Amino acid sequence: MVKQAVILAAGRGVRMLHLTEDVPKPLIIINKKPFLYYLLNNLKQAGYEKLLFVVGHKKEKLFDFVKNNGFGFEVEFIHQDQPLGTGHAVKLAKKHVLGNFVVINGDNLYSVEDLLSVNFEDEYNYLFGLKHEHPERFGVLKTKGAFLVDIEEKPKKPATKLINSGLYKFTPDIFDALDRIEKSPRGEYELTSAIGLLVKQKKVKVKLLKKYCVHLGNFEDISNVEKFIKDNF
């Protein structure tokens, strides 16, 4: 079983800057606890043992929270000193992971059941998707059978309603792909660009989330996230 997860938590959260000026986005308070608390709680119940946090903005506050949260994970922190994208963030974990590993965006919350469903070992990389009524706001997935064919970022006319949930399981092949990509037009190394290289080798499959993905992306999400947490925790 996969017991290690890389949590991406380095960004400034510019769409929520009033709230993230002094704290990283995963520490925004939702129903009297930081958003990250609920993710860590679910990861613990799902049997994860080692967490690697890629941190940047206000990283000291993440250090303090994780140190004092009481969940008992083996924890490492990896500093991303420049905002060079999700691909760069995952690449920084290369020396810290052994074998297959899970990657999670720190502003997403997944169910225990879905975090458990990532816990299997094989030679493929996996991207976890879900159906969404507004796929044009996300990365839209094109599939052929179980395999990923393409990811189209925020298309005006989405081919499907299946979107990228931001939950991944990778083999070490991802690091070779990350070594081969170049910066995107916005000046970042995109994780999805590396995934695209693995797609060409038929090394990426798609699985559907069984329960939920709760995304804390902007101010408009807060009330929905608060209601969800209240109803489910």
Protein backbone atom coordinates (compact mmCIF):
# COMPACT_ATOMS: atom_id res chain seq x y z
CA MET A 1 0.00 0.00 0.00
CA VAL A 2 1.07 3.58 -0.67
CA LYS A 3 1.75 5.19 2.70
CA GLN A 4 3.33 8.50 1.65
CA ALA A 5 1.73 11.67 0.35
CA VAL A 6 3.18 14.92 -0.98
CA ILE A 7 1.00 17.90 -0.09
CA LEU A 8 1.42 21.02 -2.22
CA ALA A 9 1.11 24.02 0.07
CA ALA A 10 3.56 26.64 -1.18
CA GLY A 11 1.30 29.06 -3.03
CA ARG A 12 0.29 32.54 -1.92
CA GLY A 13 -3.42 32.02 -2.58
CA VAL A 14 -3.64 35.25 -4.56
CA ARG A 15 -7.38 34.86 -5.22
CA MET A 16 -7.94 34.99 -1.44
CA LEU A 17 -5.22 37.48 -0.56
CA HIS A 18 -7.22 39.23 2.17
CA LEU A 19 -7.28 35.93 4.07
CA THR A 20 -3.91 34.57 2.99
CA GLU A 21 -1.79 37.64 3.60
CA ASP A 22 -0.68 36.24 6.96
CA VAL A 23 -1.32 32.48 6.60
CA PRO A 24 -1.00 29.84 3.87
CA LYS A 25 -4.29 29.01 2.18
CA PRO A 26 -4.55 25.52 3.83
CA LEU A 27 -4.65 27.25 7.23
CA ILE A 28 -7.73 29.39 6.50
CA ILE A 29 -10.13 28.80 9.37
CA ILE A 30 -13.23 26.78 8.51
CA ASN A 31 -15.64 26.12 11.38
CA LYS A 32 -13.04 27.01 14.02
CA LYS A 33 -10.28 24.78 12.62
CA PRO A 34 -7.76 25.25 9.79
CA PHE A 35 -8.89 23.69 6.50
CA LEU A 36 -5.78 21.48 6.58
CA TYR A 37 -6.98 19.87 9.82
CA TYR A 38 -9.78 18.09 8.00
CA LEU A 39 -7.46 16.78 5.27
CA LEU A 40 -4.95 15.48 7.83
CA ASN A 41 -7.75 13.84 9.78
CA ASN A 42 -8.89 11.96 6.68
CA LEU A 43 -5.33 11.01 5.69
CA LYS A 44 -4.76 9.55 9.13
CA GLN A 45 -7.96 7.51 8.98
CA ALA A 46 -6.92 6.28 5.52
CA GLY A 47 -3.68 4.86 6.92
CA TYR A 48 -1.06 7.25 5.58
CA GLU A 49 2.14 7.43 7.60
CA LYS A 50 4.51 9.90 5.94
CA LEU A 51 3.65 13.40 4.70
CA LEU A 52 5.93 15.68 2.73
CA PHE A 53 4.80 19.29 2.63
CA VAL A 54 6.09 21.51 -0.17
CA VAL A 55 5.94 24.92 1.48
CA GLY A 56 6.73 28.53 0.67
CA HIS A 57 4.44 31.39 1.70
CA LYS A 58 4.29 31.76 5.52
CA LYS A 59 5.84 28.32 5.90
CA GLU A 60 6.62 28.84 9.60
CA LYS A 61 2.91 28.80 10.39
CA LEU A 62 2.52 25.49 8.59
CA PHE A 63 5.49 24.13 10.57
CA ASP A 64 3.85 25.13 13.83
CA PHE A 65 0.42 23.78 12.95
CA VAL A 66 1.62 20.41 11.69
CA LYS A 67 4.03 20.03 14.61
CA ASN A 68 1.22 20.59 17.11
CA ASN A 69 -1.73 18.91 15.41
CA GLY A 70 -1.26 15.60 17.23
CA PHE A 71 -1.89 13.26 14.30
CA GLY A 72 1.48 11.55 14.65
CA PHE A 73 2.61 11.51 11.02
CA GLU A 74 6.25 11.25 9.99
CA VAL A 75 6.63 14.71 8.44
CA GLU A 76 9.16 16.45 6.22
CA PHE A 77 9.03 19.99 4.86
CA ILE A 78 10.48 20.92 1.49
CA HIS A 79 10.94 24.61 0.77
CA GLN A 80 9.99 25.90 -2.70
CA ASP A 81 11.92 29.16 -2.74
CA GLN A 82 10.44 30.39 -6.04
CA PRO A 83 6.85 30.09 -7.37
CA LEU A 84 7.83 27.88 -10.30
CA GLY A 85 4.67 25.77 -10.48
CA THR A 86 3.25 22.44 -9.44
CA GLY A 87 5.65 20.46 -11.59
CA HIS A 88 8.61 22.10 -9.88
CA ALA A 89 7.01 21.46 -6.48
CA VAL A 90 6.61 17.74 -7.12
CA LYS A 91 10.12 17.50 -8.54
CA LEU A 92 11.49 18.83 -5.24
CA ALA A 93 10.14 15.70 -3.53
CA LYS A 94 12.30 13.33 -5.60
CA LYS A 95 14.94 12.76 -2.92
CA HIS A 96 12.33 12.37 -0.19
CA VAL A 97 10.02 9.65 -1.55
CA LEU A 98 10.64 5.97 -2.10
CA GLY A 99 8.60 4.13 -4.71
CA ASN A 100 5.02 5.12 -5.52
CA PHE A 101 3.49 8.15 -3.83
CA VAL A 102 0.35 10.28 -3.73
CA VAL A 103 0.18 14.01 -4.54
CA ILE A 104 -2.54 16.22 -3.07
CA ASN A 105 -3.23 19.92 -3.49
CA GLY A 106 -3.33 21.44 -0.01
CA ASP A 107 -6.51 23.39 -0.76
CA ASN A 108 -8.50 20.25 -1.61
CA LEU A 109 -10.27 17.89 0.78
CA TYR A 110 -10.93 14.26 -0.12
CA SER A 111 -12.92 11.56 1.65
CA VAL A 112 -11.32 8.76 3.64
CA GLU A 113 -12.79 6.31 1.14
CA ASP A 114 -11.17 8.06 -1.82
CA LEU A 115 -7.83 8.42 -0.04
CA LEU A 116 -7.99 4.69 0.66
CA SER A 117 -8.78 3.98 -2.99
CA VAL A 118 -5.41 5.48 -3.98
CA ASN A 119 -3.64 2.93 -1.80
CA PHE A 120 -2.58 0.28 -4.28
CA GLU A 121 0.62 -0.62 -6.04
CA ASP A 122 1.07 -1.14 -9.78
CA GLU A 123 3.18 0.24 -12.62
CA TYR A 124 0.74 2.95 -13.75
CA ASN A 125 0.30 6.58 -12.78
CA TYR A 126 -3.24 7.61 -11.85
CA LEU A 127 -5.18 10.83 -12.06
CA PHE A 128 -8.44 10.95 -10.11
CA GLY A 129 -11.32 12.69 -11.80
CA LEU A 130 -14.90 13.66 -11.06
CA LYS A 131 -17.94 14.84 -13.01
CA HIS A 132 -18.64 18.58 -12.73
CA GLU A 133 -21.45 20.78 -14.05
CA HIS A 134 -18.99 23.54 -14.99
CA PRO A 135 -16.00 21.71 -16.48
CA GLU A 136 -14.91 24.82 -18.35
CA ARG A 137 -13.43 26.13 -15.08
CA PHE A 138 -11.05 23.18 -14.73
CA GLY A 139 -8.74 20.78 -16.50
CA VAL A 140 -11.03 18.56 -18.60
CA LEU A 141 -10.04 14.93 -19.05
CA LYS A 142 -10.30 12.94 -22.25
CA THR A 143 -10.09 9.19 -21.80
CA LYS A 144 -10.04 6.00 -23.85
CA GLY A 145 -11.10 3.11 -21.69
CA ALA A 146 -9.16 3.40 -18.44
CA PHE A 147 -6.35 5.44 -20.00
CA LEU A 148 -5.93 9.20 -20.01
CA VAL A 149 -5.65 10.62 -23.54
CA ASP A 150 -5.46 14.37 -22.87
CA ILE A 151 -6.00 17.16 -20.34
CA GLU A 152 -7.48 20.36 -21.77
CA GLU A 153 -7.12 23.32 -19.42
CA LYS A 154 -10.27 25.44 -19.02
CA PRO A 155 -11.68 24.87 -22.52
CA LYS A 156 -14.44 27.14 -23.79
CA LYS A 157 -16.29 24.09 -25.15
CA PRO A 158 -15.45 21.10 -22.95
CA ALA A 159 -15.58 17.72 -24.66
CA THR A 160 -16.69 16.03 -21.43
CA LYS A 161 -17.78 16.89 -17.88
CA LEU A 162 -14.94 14.86 -16.38
CA ILE A 163 -12.42 17.12 -14.64
CA ASN A 164 -9.09 16.75 -12.89
CA SER A 165 -9.68 16.61 -9.12
CA GLY A 166 -6.05 17.38 -8.19
CA LEU A 167 -5.45 13.96 -6.59
CA TYR A 168 -2.71 11.82 -8.13
CA LYS A 169 -0.80 8.60 -7.60
CA PHE A 170 2.62 8.55 -9.24
CA THR A 171 5.38 6.07 -9.88
CA PRO A 172 8.98 7.34 -10.05
CA ASP A 173 8.41 7.75 -13.81
CA ILE A 174 6.97 11.17 -13.07
CA PHE A 175 10.40 12.50 -12.13
CA ASP A 176 11.90 11.54 -15.50
CA ALA A 177 9.00 13.34 -17.19
CA LEU A 178 9.46 16.42 -14.98
CA ASP A 179 13.11 16.57 -16.02
CA ARG A 180 12.03 16.86 -19.67
CA ILE A 181 9.43 19.64 -19.52
CA GLU A 182 10.00 23.35 -20.10
CA LYS A 183 8.31 26.37 -18.57
CA SER A 184 4.78 27.12 -19.69
CA PRO A 185 3.79 30.52 -21.14
CA ARG A 186 3.03 31.71 -17.61
CA GLY A 187 6.60 30.92 -16.52
CA GLU A 188 5.91 27.77 -14.49
CA TYR A 189 6.71 24.08 -14.74
CA GLU A 190 3.28 22.49 -15.01
CA LEU A 191 2.63 19.07 -13.49
CA THR A 192 0.10 18.41 -16.24
CA SER A 193 2.83 18.89 -18.88
CA ALA A 194 4.81 16.03 -17.35
CA ILE A 195 1.68 13.92 -17.15
CA GLY A 196 1.18 14.61 -20.86
CA LEU A 197 4.54 13.00 -21.61
CA LEU A 198 3.56 9.90 -19.64
CA VAL A 199 0.22 9.83 -21.49
CA LYS A 200 2.13 9.35 -24.76
CA GLN A 201 3.76 6.28 -23.22
CA LYS A 202 0.35 4.94 -22.10
CA LYS A 203 1.43 5.11 -18.47
CA VAL A 204 -1.50 7.16 -17.07
CA LYS A 205 -4.91 5.84 -16.10
CA VAL A 206 -7.97 7.66 -14.74
CA LYS A 207 -10.11 6.60 -11.81
CA LEU A 208 -13.26 8.33 -10.61
CA LEU A 209 -13.60 9.66 -7.09
CA LYS A 210 -16.25 7.73 -5.20
CA LYS A 211 -17.23 10.43 -2.70
CA TYR A 212 -16.13 14.06 -2.89
CA CYS A 213 -13.52 16.68 -3.58
CA VAL A 214 -14.05 19.94 -1.68
CA HIS A 215 -12.03 22.80 -3.17
CA LEU A 216 -11.09 25.96 -1.29
CA GLY A 217 -10.20 28.04 -4.32
CA ASN A 218 -11.61 31.52 -3.76
CA PHE A 219 -13.85 33.61 -1.49
CA GLU A 220 -17.00 32.27 -3.11
CA ASP A 221 -16.10 28.73 -2.03
CA ILE A 222 -15.91 29.50 1.70
CA SER A 223 -19.61 29.34 2.54
CA ASN A 224 -20.02 26.05 0.64
CA VAL A 225 -16.95 24.57 2.33
CA GLU A 226 -18.18 25.67 5.75
CA LYS A 227 -21.57 24.04 5.17
CA PHE A 228 -19.95 20.83 3.92
CA ILE A 229 -17.62 20.63 6.92
CA LYS A 230 -20.48 21.31 9.32
CA ASP A 231 -22.59 18.57 7.77
CA ASN A 232 -19.83 15.97 7.50
CA PHE A 233 -17.37 16.45 10.38
